[in-house]
Amino acid sequence: MKRIFTSIILLVSIIGVAQSQSEYMPYSYQSYQKFDAEEYSTSTHEHTAFKPYIIDSVTKNHYDSLMNYNADGKQHSWGYNKLFNEHLIDIKSAKSTFYADFLPNFTMGKNLFGGKESTSLVSYGAQIGGTVGSKLYYYASWYGNQADFPAYETNYINQTGIIPGEARARVYGLDNYDWQYYTAVVSYTPNKYLNITAGNDKNFIGDGYRSLFLSDYISPYPFLKLTGTLGNVQYTAMWAHFDDPDDLDANGNPRQKWGVFHYFDWNVSKKLSLGFFDSVIWYDKDEDGHERGFDVTYLNPITFLRPLEASNGSPDNALIGLTGKYKLTDGITGYGQFMLDEFQAAQFFSDNGSSRNKYGFQLGIKGANMFGVKGLNYLLETNNVKPYTYSERGPILSFTGNGAPLAHPWGANFRELVGQLNYSYKRFDFSGEADYGHYGQDPLTGLDYGMDPYQDYTNPAKLEGNYIGQGVTTNMYYLEGKVAYVLNPKYNLRIELTALYRDEKNVDYDDKTSLFTIGIRSSFRQIYDDIAAPRTH
């Protein structure tokens, strides 16, 4: 696997030079929402669903202004410029650029409820990036982390073995964890019609905060992505590789699996866009250790996958989905997703709650410059996923990777209503989130009620009469507010104050968290605290 992606990166890196600069922007919702006014304008035909973006002419001016808004044109000392305006190392020539930064993350916090535990994060990181000519862009980042989490996140980590949105957890003390996080990407744009991206990173499909197709929640993974754009049509084919820590081979090592993802995006007009998604997950080795490896059947980048999967005897996990967005006005956009995992018509139309009818949907509305205030952006979204969705005949075929769901962080068997509000003014960033979740956890008896996609769906708690919230019915209320003062936008170095309230309750417990944290943070990676554990405790 490593040899494949190393060869791809070397091949891409020696291809020629072009005429217009392309930059690869690491994805996080909080960073990308700042471009909503341009991306969702009724005067543009932008393809907005598959992220990360390649910075182009539409967002280039805004991106440059965000990266340089601290520059005042005055003469300052070397230390002042490095702290507030520039990369630590920044080299530019006629045909190439290079930059490097140190990325510190130090926070401390206190929970005022429950065990009143203290929290902390100590993280040292670095990033490098640059261009070769004007077609090739590269980026890499690395973080070494140690943390003490609030009780609800500790419970989640102990159940799943995963640091939310980051990596596999390693225990180094009593409820203390450390982990590594790294990305590396090479992106090549030979012309305006094609982009080739390869590396180890995250991807996201959708226009909302969550995705029911592919989210940025799991840890970075190796992938190859081809994106072709012709006028109002964009088509993306991506092949990726994952491991599965919950499914071990005969030697006790995590089993490996592959995924292929296709997304077709059609801008019907400047207001209306429609999309089609399909994917297949397959194992690298079977239960007896027989090698299957990369299935060349799925190498064709311009075909629909379900017929191919069926031609193989349907041994794999295939999903399909539809998306849509409509710009109601210049600044207000409605969007949605429908994902279908498995469908049996007789049971579906009889409404008997069959465990074999697995699907989910998303509806949302988002807007920029609310009330005419520049930089005040909002989002309101609901996500609903039926029990047992994303699960399969064992963990190795489930719609998961690296120990976490590939789509929504909560897995399945949930209903969510989430709102986001963001405002940027000069060096200040303000953000708020309100989230209500209704979901059904699995009881300690081990019965599978459909929230955890790693469970074998062929052994459900019940075959019929299934509904969202079954099992240990749980309600979660989540509020979070952040105030950040950006010291250096080049690597998002900021002083950040966070207040978080979370109340999760069911018949087994009522856990309340009131957490306040303060710290200095850098990087563009998304931090997920709005999580839900798959089992009660």
Protein backbone atom coordinates (compact mmCIF):
# COMPACT_ATOMS: atom_id res chain seq x y z
CA MET A 1 0.00 0.00 0.00
CA LYS A 2 2.73 2.47 0.97
CA ARG A 3 4.64 1.63 -2.24
CA ILE A 4 1.55 2.37 -4.35
CA PHE A 5 1.01 5.82 -2.89
CA THR A 6 4.72 6.64 -2.83
CA SER A 7 4.91 5.84 -6.55
CA ILE A 8 1.86 7.99 -7.24
CA ILE A 9 3.31 10.94 -5.36
CA LEU A 10 6.66 10.62 -7.17
CA LEU A 11 4.89 10.40 -10.53
CA VAL A 12 2.77 13.44 -9.85
CA SER A 13 5.70 15.48 -8.56
CA ILE A 14 7.73 15.25 -11.78
CA ILE A 15 4.96 16.39 -14.13
CA GLY A 16 5.36 19.82 -15.71
CA VAL A 17 4.48 23.37 -14.86
CA ALA A 18 1.33 25.39 -15.66
CA GLN A 19 0.08 28.95 -15.66
CA SER A 20 -2.35 29.44 -12.80
CA GLN A 21 -1.67 28.89 -9.14
CA SER A 22 -3.59 26.10 -7.37
CA GLU A 23 -3.46 25.61 -3.61
CA TYR A 24 -4.82 22.74 -1.54
CA MET A 25 -6.71 23.91 1.56
CA PRO A 26 -6.99 21.42 4.48
CA TYR A 27 -10.64 20.95 5.44
CA SER A 28 -12.45 21.94 8.61
CA TYR A 29 -15.98 23.28 8.84
CA GLN A 30 -14.93 26.33 10.88
CA SER A 31 -12.38 27.36 8.24
CA TYR A 32 -14.50 26.65 5.18
CA GLN A 33 -17.66 28.44 6.34
CA LYS A 34 -15.75 31.71 6.00
CA PHE A 35 -16.05 31.30 2.20
CA ASP A 36 -19.81 30.70 2.13
CA ALA A 37 -20.61 34.14 0.68
CA GLU A 38 -18.52 33.40 -2.43
CA GLU A 39 -19.12 29.65 -2.73
CA TYR A 40 -22.92 29.89 -2.43
CA SER A 41 -23.45 33.09 -4.38
CA THR A 42 -26.18 33.02 -7.05
CA SER A 43 -23.66 34.59 -9.44
CA THR A 44 -21.35 31.54 -9.42
CA HIS A 45 -21.48 27.90 -10.56
CA GLU A 46 -19.16 26.53 -7.88
CA HIS A 47 -19.00 22.81 -7.07
CA THR A 48 -19.08 22.90 -3.29
CA ALA A 49 -19.82 19.35 -2.09
CA PHE A 50 -16.49 17.45 -2.28
CA LYS A 51 -13.88 18.87 0.08
CA PRO A 52 -11.01 19.79 0.54
CA TYR A 53 -11.07 22.42 -2.19
CA ILE A 54 -8.46 23.54 -4.59
CA ILE A 55 -8.30 27.30 -4.07
CA ASP A 56 -9.38 28.88 -7.35
CA SER A 57 -10.34 32.26 -8.76
CA VAL A 58 -13.64 32.47 -6.85
CA THR A 59 -12.20 32.06 -3.35
CA LYS A 60 -8.63 33.15 -4.08
CA ASN A 61 -9.03 36.83 -3.18
CA HIS A 62 -10.88 36.06 0.05
CA TYR A 63 -8.37 33.35 0.94
CA ASP A 64 -5.46 35.73 0.37
CA SER A 65 -7.11 38.44 2.46
CA LEU A 66 -7.67 36.01 5.35
CA MET A 67 -4.07 34.85 5.20
CA ASN A 68 -2.72 38.41 5.15
CA TYR A 69 -5.14 40.52 7.16
CA ASN A 70 -2.57 41.18 9.90
CA ALA A 71 -0.18 42.81 7.44
CA ASP A 72 -0.36 46.61 7.85
CA GLY A 73 2.39 47.60 5.42
CA LYS A 74 4.60 48.93 8.21
CA GLN A 75 8.12 47.90 9.07
CA HIS A 76 8.29 45.47 12.00
CA SER A 77 10.96 43.37 13.65
CA TRP A 78 11.73 39.82 12.52
CA GLY A 79 10.15 38.42 15.69
CA TYR A 80 6.98 40.46 15.30
CA ASN A 81 6.50 39.35 11.70
CA LYS A 82 7.08 35.67 12.51
CA LEU A 83 4.60 35.76 15.38
CA PHE A 84 1.83 37.79 13.73
CA ASN A 85 2.24 37.98 9.94
CA GLU A 86 4.46 35.32 8.39
CA HIS A 87 5.38 31.67 8.27
CA LEU A 88 8.32 30.70 10.44
CA ILE A 89 10.17 29.76 7.24
CA ASP A 90 8.91 31.27 3.99
CA ILE A 91 10.92 30.89 0.76
CA LYS A 92 9.70 32.10 -2.61
CA SER A 93 11.36 31.89 -6.01
CA ALA A 94 10.21 32.36 -9.59
CA LYS A 95 9.10 28.74 -9.93
CA SER A 96 8.49 27.43 -6.43
CA THR A 97 7.52 28.28 -2.86
CA PHE A 98 8.15 26.62 0.50
CA TYR A 99 6.95 27.35 4.02
CA ALA A 100 7.24 25.68 7.43
CA ASP A 101 5.71 26.37 10.83
CA PHE A 102 5.79 25.12 14.38
CA LEU A 103 2.26 24.26 15.62
CA PRO A 104 1.74 24.50 19.38
CA ASN A 105 -1.48 23.43 21.11
CA PHE A 106 -1.68 23.94 24.87
CA THR A 107 -5.02 24.08 26.67
CA MET A 108 -6.31 23.56 30.18
CA GLY A 109 -9.85 23.26 31.45
CA LYS A 110 -12.16 22.44 34.33
CA ASN A 111 -15.45 20.56 34.49
CA LEU A 112 -17.76 22.17 37.04
CA PHE A 113 -20.13 19.17 37.18
CA GLY A 114 -19.79 15.46 37.95
CA GLY A 115 -16.28 14.54 39.04
CA LYS A 116 -15.11 18.13 38.53
CA GLU A 117 -12.11 16.79 36.68
CA SER A 118 -9.40 18.95 35.14
CA THR A 119 -8.60 18.62 31.46
CA SER A 120 -5.53 19.43 29.42
CA LEU A 121 -4.02 19.11 25.96
CA VAL A 122 -0.30 19.28 25.24
CA SER A 123 0.49 19.04 21.55
CA TYR A 124 3.61 19.77 19.54
CA GLY A 125 3.32 19.87 15.78
CA ALA A 126 4.74 21.18 12.56
CA GLN A 127 3.58 21.80 9.03
CA ILE A 128 5.28 22.30 5.69
CA GLY A 129 3.83 23.23 2.35
CA GLY A 130 4.57 24.82 -0.95
CA THR A 131 4.33 24.76 -4.71
CA VAL A 132 6.42 23.53 -7.60
CA GLY A 133 5.64 25.62 -10.61
CA SER A 134 2.00 26.67 -10.58
CA LYS A 135 0.32 23.27 -10.91
CA LEU A 136 1.79 21.25 -8.07
CA TYR A 137 1.01 21.85 -4.41
CA TYR A 138 2.18 19.81 -1.43
CA TYR A 139 1.34 19.89 2.26
CA ALA A 140 2.24 17.83 5.32
CA SER A 141 1.57 18.14 9.04
CA TRP A 142 2.41 16.17 12.17
CA TYR A 143 1.30 16.36 15.80
CA GLY A 144 2.35 14.52 18.92
CA ASN A 145 -0.40 14.78 21.55
CA GLN A 146 -1.11 14.03 25.20
CA ALA A 147 -4.42 14.84 26.86
CA ASP A 148 -6.73 14.44 29.83
CA PHE A 149 -10.36 14.54 28.68
CA PRO A 150 -13.67 15.27 30.40
CA ALA A 151 -15.51 12.18 31.66
CA TYR A 152 -17.88 11.80 28.71
CA GLU A 153 -15.02 11.78 26.19
CA THR A 154 -13.04 9.37 28.38
CA ASN A 155 -16.07 7.06 28.35
CA TYR A 156 -16.22 7.29 24.55
CA ILE A 157 -12.50 6.59 24.16
CA ASN A 158 -12.67 3.62 26.53
CA GLN A 159 -15.55 2.15 24.51
CA THR A 160 -14.15 2.74 21.04
CA GLY A 161 -10.39 3.02 21.53
CA ILE A 162 -10.42 6.15 19.36
CA ILE A 163 -9.60 9.80 20.10
CA PRO A 164 -12.64 11.54 18.52
CA GLY A 165 -11.74 12.68 15.01
CA GLU A 166 -8.03 12.10 15.57
CA ALA A 167 -6.44 8.65 15.89
CA ARG A 168 -6.23 5.44 17.88
CA ALA A 169 -5.72 6.12 21.57
CA ARG A 170 -2.80 4.92 23.64
CA VAL A 171 -3.16 5.00 27.42
CA TYR A 172 -0.19 6.45 29.30
CA GLY A 173 -1.81 6.87 32.71
CA LEU A 174 -5.14 6.71 34.49
CA ASP A 175 -7.54 8.06 31.85
CA ASN A 176 -4.66 9.88 30.15
CA TYR A 177 -3.98 9.32 26.46
CA ASP A 178 -1.42 10.05 23.81
CA TRP A 179 -1.59 9.73 20.04
CA GLN A 180 0.02 10.75 16.78
CA TYR A 181 -1.70 12.65 13.99
CA TYR A 182 -0.20 13.27 10.57
CA THR A 183 -1.20 14.22 7.04
CA ALA A 184 0.68 14.40 3.75
CA VAL A 185 -0.82 15.47 0.42
CA VAL A 186 0.38 16.17 -3.11
CA SER A 187 -2.12 17.89 -5.40
CA TYR A 188 -1.52 18.35 -9.12
CA THR A 189 -3.72 20.38 -11.49
CA PRO A 190 -2.45 19.94 -15.07
CA ASN A 191 -5.28 22.06 -16.49
CA LYS A 192 -8.62 23.55 -15.50
CA TYR A 193 -10.39 20.27 -16.24
CA LEU A 194 -8.46 17.85 -14.01
CA ASN A 195 -7.00 17.59 -10.52
CA ILE A 196 -5.05 14.63 -9.13
CA THR A 197 -4.58 14.44 -5.38
CA ALA A 198 -2.82 11.69 -3.44
CA GLY A 199 -1.67 11.31 0.12
CA ASN A 200 -2.77 10.63 3.67
CA ASP A 201 -5.59 12.95 4.76
CA LYS A 202 -9.36 13.31 5.27
CA ASN A 203 -12.18 14.03 2.81
CA PHE A 204 -15.76 15.30 3.15
CA ILE A 205 -18.81 15.11 0.88
CA GLY A 206 -21.67 17.52 1.50
CA ASP A 207 -22.68 21.13 2.01
CA GLY A 208 -23.52 20.88 5.70
CA TYR A 209 -21.85 20.41 9.04
CA ARG A 210 -22.33 16.63 8.95
CA SER A 211 -22.15 14.18 6.06
CA LEU A 212 -24.09 10.94 5.64
CA PHE A 213 -21.73 9.88 2.80
CA LEU A 214 -18.16 10.61 3.84
CA SER A 215 -17.05 12.87 6.69
CA ASP A 216 -13.79 14.13 8.15
CA TYR A 217 -14.38 12.33 11.45
CA ILE A 218 -12.06 9.35 11.05
CA SER A 219 -8.30 9.68 11.26
CA PRO A 220 -6.37 10.46 8.05
CA TYR A 221 -6.04 7.61 5.55
CA PRO A 222 -4.12 7.01 2.30
CA PHE A 223 -6.08 7.81 -0.85
CA LEU A 224 -5.89 8.68 -4.53
CA LYS A 225 -8.47 11.11 -5.87
CA LEU A 226 -9.21 12.17 -9.46
CA THR A 227 -11.50 15.15 -10.03
CA GLY A 228 -12.67 16.12 -13.49
CA THR A 229 -14.60 19.33 -14.15
CA LEU A 230 -16.27 20.22 -17.43
CA GLY A 231 -18.49 23.28 -17.25
CA ASN A 232 -21.39 22.63 -14.90
CA VAL A 233 -20.45 18.98 -14.29
CA GLN A 234 -17.85 17.67 -11.86
CA TYR A 235 -16.99 14.02 -11.28
CA THR A 236 -14.74 12.66 -8.54
CA ALA A 237 -13.41 9.13 -8.14
CA MET A 238 -11.43 8.22 -5.02
CA TRP A 239 -9.77 5.01 -3.85
CA ALA A 240 -8.80 4.68 -0.19
CA HIS A 241 -7.28 2.21 2.27
CA PHE A 242 -8.26 1.68 5.92
CA ASP A 243 -7.46 -0.64 8.79
CA ASP A 244 -9.96 -2.10 11.23
CA PRO A 245 -8.76 -2.34 14.86
CA ASP A 246 -12.00 -4.06 15.93
CA ASP A 247 -11.46 -6.99 13.55
CA LEU A 248 -8.19 -8.87 14.10
CA ASP A 249 -6.59 -11.50 11.91
CA ALA A 250 -5.17 -14.84 13.13
CA ASN A 251 -1.98 -13.07 14.24
CA GLY A 252 -3.82 -10.45 16.28
CA ASN A 253 -3.21 -7.62 13.80
CA PRO A 254 -5.93 -5.26 12.56
CA ARG A 255 -7.44 -6.42 9.27
CA GLN A 256 -7.20 -4.13 6.27
CA LYS A 257 -9.89 -2.98 3.85
CA TRP A 258 -10.38 -0.83 0.79
CA GLY A 259 -12.96 1.66 -0.34
CA VAL A 260 -13.89 3.29 -3.63
CA PHE A 261 -16.07 6.41 -3.73
CA HIS A 262 -17.66 8.15 -6.72
CA TYR A 263 -19.43 11.49 -6.62
CA PHE A 264 -21.16 13.15 -9.59
CA ASP A 265 -22.08 16.83 -9.14
CA TRP A 266 -24.24 18.70 -11.67
CA ASN A 267 -24.91 22.43 -11.41
CA VAL A 268 -28.25 22.48 -13.23
CA SER A 269 -28.29 26.27 -12.94
CA LYS A 270 -26.69 28.97 -10.84
CA LYS A 271 -29.20 28.11 -8.11
CA LEU A 272 -29.83 24.36 -8.36
CA SER A 273 -27.29 21.54 -7.99
CA LEU A 274 -27.87 17.78 -7.93
CA GLY A 275 -25.45 15.01 -7.03
CA PHE A 276 -25.13 11.25 -7.03
CA PHE A 277 -22.89 9.21 -4.68
CA ASP A 278 -21.93 5.57 -4.63
CA SER A 279 -19.29 3.55 -2.83
CA VAL A 280 -18.08 0.04 -2.13
CA ILE A 281 -16.12 -1.29 0.86
CA TRP A 282 -14.25 -4.60 0.52
CA TYR A 283 -11.78 -6.61 2.62
CA ASP A 284 -8.08 -7.03 1.86
CA LYS A 285 -8.01 -10.65 3.14
CA ASP A 286 -10.83 -13.05 3.92
CA GLU A 287 -11.34 -14.70 7.31
CA ASP A 288 -9.02 -17.55 6.32
CA GLY A 289 -6.21 -15.14 5.44
CA HIS A 290 -6.51 -15.51 1.67
CA GLU A 291 -5.22 -12.40 -0.08
CA ARG A 292 -7.65 -10.39 -2.19
CA GLY A 293 -5.90 -7.04 -2.19
CA PHE A 294 -6.95 -4.18 -4.41
CA ASP A 295 -9.82 -5.34 -6.62
CA VAL A 296 -9.13 -4.07 -10.14
CA THR A 297 -12.86 -4.43 -10.86
CA TYR A 298 -13.27 -1.12 -9.03
CA LEU A 299 -10.45 0.64 -10.87
CA ASN A 300 -12.71 2.05 -13.59
CA PRO A 301 -13.23 5.68 -12.50
CA ILE A 302 -16.29 6.41 -14.65
CA THR A 303 -18.79 3.71 -13.79
CA PHE A 304 -21.52 3.12 -11.24
CA LEU A 305 -20.37 0.64 -8.66
CA ARG A 306 -23.45 -1.40 -7.74
CA PRO A 307 -23.52 -3.43 -11.00
CA LEU A 308 -19.80 -4.18 -10.62
CA GLU A 309 -20.26 -5.29 -7.03
CA ALA A 310 -23.18 -7.50 -8.09
CA SER A 311 -21.08 -9.01 -10.89
CA ASN A 312 -18.59 -10.12 -8.24
CA GLY A 313 -21.34 -12.04 -6.44
CA SER A 314 -22.20 -9.19 -4.02
CA PRO A 315 -19.47 -10.01 -1.49
CA ASP A 316 -18.91 -6.35 -0.56
CA ASN A 317 -20.75 -3.42 1.03
CA ALA A 318 -22.28 -1.00 -1.48
CA LEU A 319 -24.00 2.31 -0.65
CA ILE A 320 -25.65 4.90 -2.88
CA GLY A 321 -26.94 8.40 -2.24
CA LEU A 322 -28.47 11.54 -3.69
CA THR A 323 -27.70 15.17 -2.85
CA GLY A 324 -29.20 18.50 -3.72
CA LYS A 325 -28.76 22.17 -2.96
CA TYR A 326 -30.78 25.21 -3.96
CA LYS A 327 -29.74 28.82 -3.49
CA LEU A 328 -32.93 30.45 -2.24
CA THR A 329 -31.34 33.89 -2.41
CA ASP A 330 -27.85 35.28 -2.75
CA GLY A 331 -26.62 34.08 0.64
CA ILE A 332 -29.26 31.54 1.70
CA THR A 333 -28.98 27.93 0.54
CA GLY A 334 -31.08 24.86 1.26
CA TYR A 335 -29.37 21.47 0.97
CA GLY A 336 -29.95 17.81 1.65
CA GLN A 337 -28.72 14.24 1.36
CA PHE A 338 -30.40 10.85 1.09
CA MET A 339 -28.30 7.74 1.71
CA LEU A 340 -29.47 4.17 0.98
CA ASP A 341 -27.56 1.26 2.46
CA GLU A 342 -30.05 -1.57 1.94
CA PHE A 343 -33.60 -1.67 0.63
CA GLN A 344 -36.32 -4.34 0.58
CA ALA A 345 -39.45 -2.99 -1.06
CA ALA A 346 -42.02 -5.31 0.57
CA GLN A 347 -40.86 -4.49 4.11
CA PHE A 348 -40.27 -0.82 3.33
CA PHE A 349 -43.78 -0.10 2.09
CA SER A 350 -45.39 -2.20 4.82
CA ASP A 351 -43.69 0.05 7.39
CA ASN A 352 -42.94 -2.84 9.72
CA GLY A 353 -39.54 -1.50 10.78
CA SER A 354 -37.43 -4.19 9.13
CA SER A 355 -33.77 -4.27 10.16
CA ARG A 356 -32.93 -4.72 6.45
CA ASN A 357 -34.23 -1.28 5.45
CA LYS A 358 -31.24 0.91 6.19
CA TYR A 359 -31.17 4.54 5.11
CA GLY A 360 -30.68 8.10 6.31
CA PHE A 361 -31.47 11.65 5.26
CA GLN A 362 -30.25 15.18 5.90
CA LEU A 363 -32.00 18.52 5.46
CA GLY A 364 -30.41 21.88 6.13
CA ILE A 365 -30.29 25.58 5.45
CA LYS A 366 -27.25 27.82 5.63
CA GLY A 367 -26.52 31.44 4.96
CA ALA A 368 -23.79 34.07 4.86
CA ASN A 369 -23.71 37.68 6.04
CA MET A 370 -26.79 37.29 8.24
CA PHE A 371 -28.78 40.54 8.70
CA GLY A 372 -26.34 42.18 6.32
CA VAL A 373 -23.46 41.72 8.75
CA LYS A 374 -20.37 40.68 6.81
CA GLY A 375 -18.83 37.52 8.19
CA LEU A 376 -21.89 36.44 10.21
CA ASN A 377 -22.73 32.95 8.92
CA TYR A 378 -25.26 30.39 10.13
CA LEU A 379 -26.43 26.83 9.59
CA LEU A 380 -29.42 24.78 10.76
CA GLU A 381 -29.45 21.06 9.97
CA THR A 382 -31.21 17.82 10.83
CA ASN A 383 -29.77 14.33 10.34
CA ASN A 384 -31.76 11.11 10.69
CA VAL A 385 -30.36 7.59 10.26
CA LYS A 386 -32.25 4.32 10.76
CA PRO A 387 -30.93 1.53 13.03
CA TYR A 388 -28.31 -0.83 11.56
CA THR A 389 -27.41 1.56 8.73
CA TYR A 390 -23.73 1.36 7.68
CA SER A 391 -23.31 -2.05 9.38
CA GLU A 392 -22.59 -5.27 7.51
CA ARG A 393 -21.65 -8.95 7.93
CA GLY A 394 -18.89 -8.09 10.40
CA PRO A 395 -16.68 -5.05 11.04
CA ILE A 396 -14.39 -5.57 8.04
CA LEU A 397 -17.24 -4.81 5.59
CA SER A 398 -18.98 -2.11 7.61
CA PHE A 399 -18.94 1.52 6.42
CA THR A 400 -16.16 2.33 8.87
CA GLY A 401 -12.42 2.89 8.84
CA ASN A 402 -9.56 3.19 11.31
CA GLY A 403 -11.94 2.39 14.18
CA ALA A 404 -14.56 5.07 13.46
CA PRO A 405 -17.63 5.68 11.26
CA LEU A 406 -16.85 6.91 7.76
CA ALA A 407 -19.97 9.10 7.74
CA HIS A 408 -21.76 10.67 10.72
CA PRO A 409 -19.76 10.36 13.99
CA TRP A 410 -22.76 8.91 15.85
CA GLY A 411 -23.03 5.84 13.60
CA ALA A 412 -26.76 5.06 13.18
CA ASN A 413 -30.04 4.83 15.12
CA PHE A 414 -30.18 8.58 15.79
CA ARG A 415 -31.96 11.83 15.10
CA GLU A 416 -30.06 15.10 15.34
CA LEU A 417 -30.85 18.81 15.14
CA VAL A 418 -27.77 21.02 15.05
CA GLY A 419 -27.26 24.75 14.61
CA GLN A 420 -24.05 26.69 13.99
CA LEU A 421 -23.36 30.43 14.20
CA ASN A 422 -20.02 31.96 13.23
CA TYR A 423 -18.76 35.52 13.09
CA SER A 424 -15.34 36.82 12.13
CA TYR A 425 -14.25 40.41 12.72
CA LYS A 426 -10.65 41.40 12.10
CA ARG A 427 -8.61 39.12 14.39
CA PHE A 428 -11.59 37.83 16.35
CA ASP A 429 -13.48 34.61 15.61
CA PHE A 430 -16.74 33.86 17.43
CA SER A 431 -18.56 30.54 17.06
CA GLY A 432 -21.51 28.84 18.69
CA GLU A 433 -23.13 25.42 18.38
CA ALA A 434 -26.40 24.02 19.71
CA ASP A 435 -27.05 20.31 19.20
CA TYR A 436 -29.90 18.03 20.22
CA GLY A 437 -29.48 14.29 19.79
CA HIS A 438 -31.99 11.46 20.22
CA TYR A 439 -30.42 8.03 19.85
CA GLY A 440 -30.51 4.46 21.09
CA GLN A 441 -27.40 3.07 22.74
CA ASP A 442 -26.72 -0.64 23.11
CA PRO A 443 -27.29 -2.05 26.63
CA LEU A 444 -24.53 -3.71 28.64
CA THR A 445 -26.13 -7.10 27.90
CA GLY A 446 -24.54 -6.95 24.45
CA LEU A 447 -27.71 -6.80 22.32
CA ASP A 448 -27.30 -4.90 19.06
CA TYR A 449 -29.97 -2.19 18.64
CA GLY A 450 -28.32 -0.63 15.61
CA MET A 451 -26.23 2.37 16.71
CA ASP A 452 -22.77 0.82 16.41
CA PRO A 453 -21.89 0.11 12.73
CA TYR A 454 -19.14 -2.28 13.86
CA GLN A 455 -21.76 -4.80 15.00
CA ASP A 456 -22.82 -7.67 12.71
CA TYR A 457 -26.19 -6.61 11.31
CA THR A 458 -27.21 -10.25 10.69
CA ASN A 459 -27.74 -10.63 14.45
CA PRO A 460 -30.01 -7.69 15.36
CA ALA A 461 -31.88 -7.40 18.65
CA LYS A 462 -35.06 -7.75 16.56
CA LEU A 463 -35.82 -8.28 12.89
CA GLU A 464 -38.93 -6.07 12.76
CA GLY A 465 -40.45 -3.20 14.71
CA ASN A 466 -37.23 -1.19 14.67
CA TYR A 467 -37.30 2.59 15.18
CA ILE A 468 -34.89 5.45 15.79
CA GLY A 469 -33.96 5.66 19.45
CA GLN A 470 -34.58 2.00 20.29
CA GLY A 471 -32.38 0.25 22.84
CA VAL A 472 -31.27 2.47 25.69
CA THR A 473 -33.14 5.59 24.54
CA THR A 474 -30.87 8.57 25.14
CA ASN A 475 -31.28 12.33 24.78
CA MET A 476 -28.32 14.65 24.53
CA TYR A 477 -28.28 18.46 24.76
CA TYR A 478 -25.09 20.20 23.73
CA LEU A 479 -24.13 23.88 23.78
CA GLU A 480 -20.71 25.27 22.92
CA GLY A 481 -19.34 28.76 22.49
CA LYS A 482 -15.84 29.84 21.46
CA VAL A 483 -14.04 33.17 21.33
CA ALA A 484 -10.68 33.23 19.59
CA TYR A 485 -8.15 35.95 18.96
CA VAL A 486 -6.08 35.03 15.90
CA LEU A 487 -2.41 35.87 16.35
CA ASN A 488 -1.20 34.52 13.02
CA PRO A 489 -3.60 33.42 10.26
CA LYS A 490 -0.84 31.65 8.28
CA TYR A 491 -1.10 28.65 10.61
CA ASN A 492 -4.22 29.66 12.55
CA LEU A 493 -2.36 30.45 15.75
CA ARG A 494 -4.91 31.78 18.20
CA ILE A 495 -5.77 32.29 21.84
CA GLU A 496 -9.04 30.49 22.40
CA LEU A 497 -11.61 30.45 25.20
CA THR A 498 -14.29 27.73 25.12
CA ALA A 499 -17.40 27.14 27.22
CA LEU A 500 -19.23 23.83 26.79
CA TYR A 501 -22.39 22.43 28.36
CA ARG A 502 -23.52 18.87 27.70
CA ASP A 503 -26.34 16.87 29.27
CA GLU A 504 -26.75 13.22 28.24
CA LYS A 505 -29.39 11.14 29.99
CA ASN A 506 -31.26 7.85 29.79
CA VAL A 507 -32.60 5.25 32.25
CA ASP A 508 -29.04 4.28 33.27
CA TYR A 509 -27.46 7.68 33.91
CA ASP A 510 -27.72 11.45 33.69
CA ASP A 511 -24.29 12.84 32.87
CA LYS A 512 -23.78 16.59 32.93
CA THR A 513 -20.66 18.41 31.79
CA SER A 514 -19.95 22.11 32.18
CA LEU A 515 -16.47 22.61 30.81
CA PHE A 516 -14.41 25.77 30.48
CA THR A 517 -11.07 25.72 28.65
CA ILE A 518 -8.48 28.27 27.69
CA GLY A 519 -5.38 27.83 25.62
CA ILE A 520 -3.28 28.64 22.63
CA ARG A 521 -4.00 26.55 19.54
CA SER A 522 -2.84 26.29 15.96
CA SER A 523 -3.62 24.25 12.82
CA PHE A 524 -6.76 23.90 10.73
CA ARG A 525 -7.83 20.42 11.90
CA GLN A 526 -11.37 19.96 13.15
CA ILE A 527 -11.82 19.12 16.84
CA TYR A 528 -14.98 17.09 17.59
CA ASP A 529 -16.45 17.31 21.09
CA ASP A 530 -20.12 16.78 20.08
CA ILE A 531 -19.91 12.98 20.20
CA ALA A 532 -22.17 10.15 21.37
CA ALA A 533 -20.90 6.79 22.69
CA PRO A 534 -22.50 3.67 21.14
CA ARG A 535 -23.07 1.88 24.47
CA THR A 536 -24.53 2.82 27.82
CA HIS A 537 -22.35 2.80 30.93
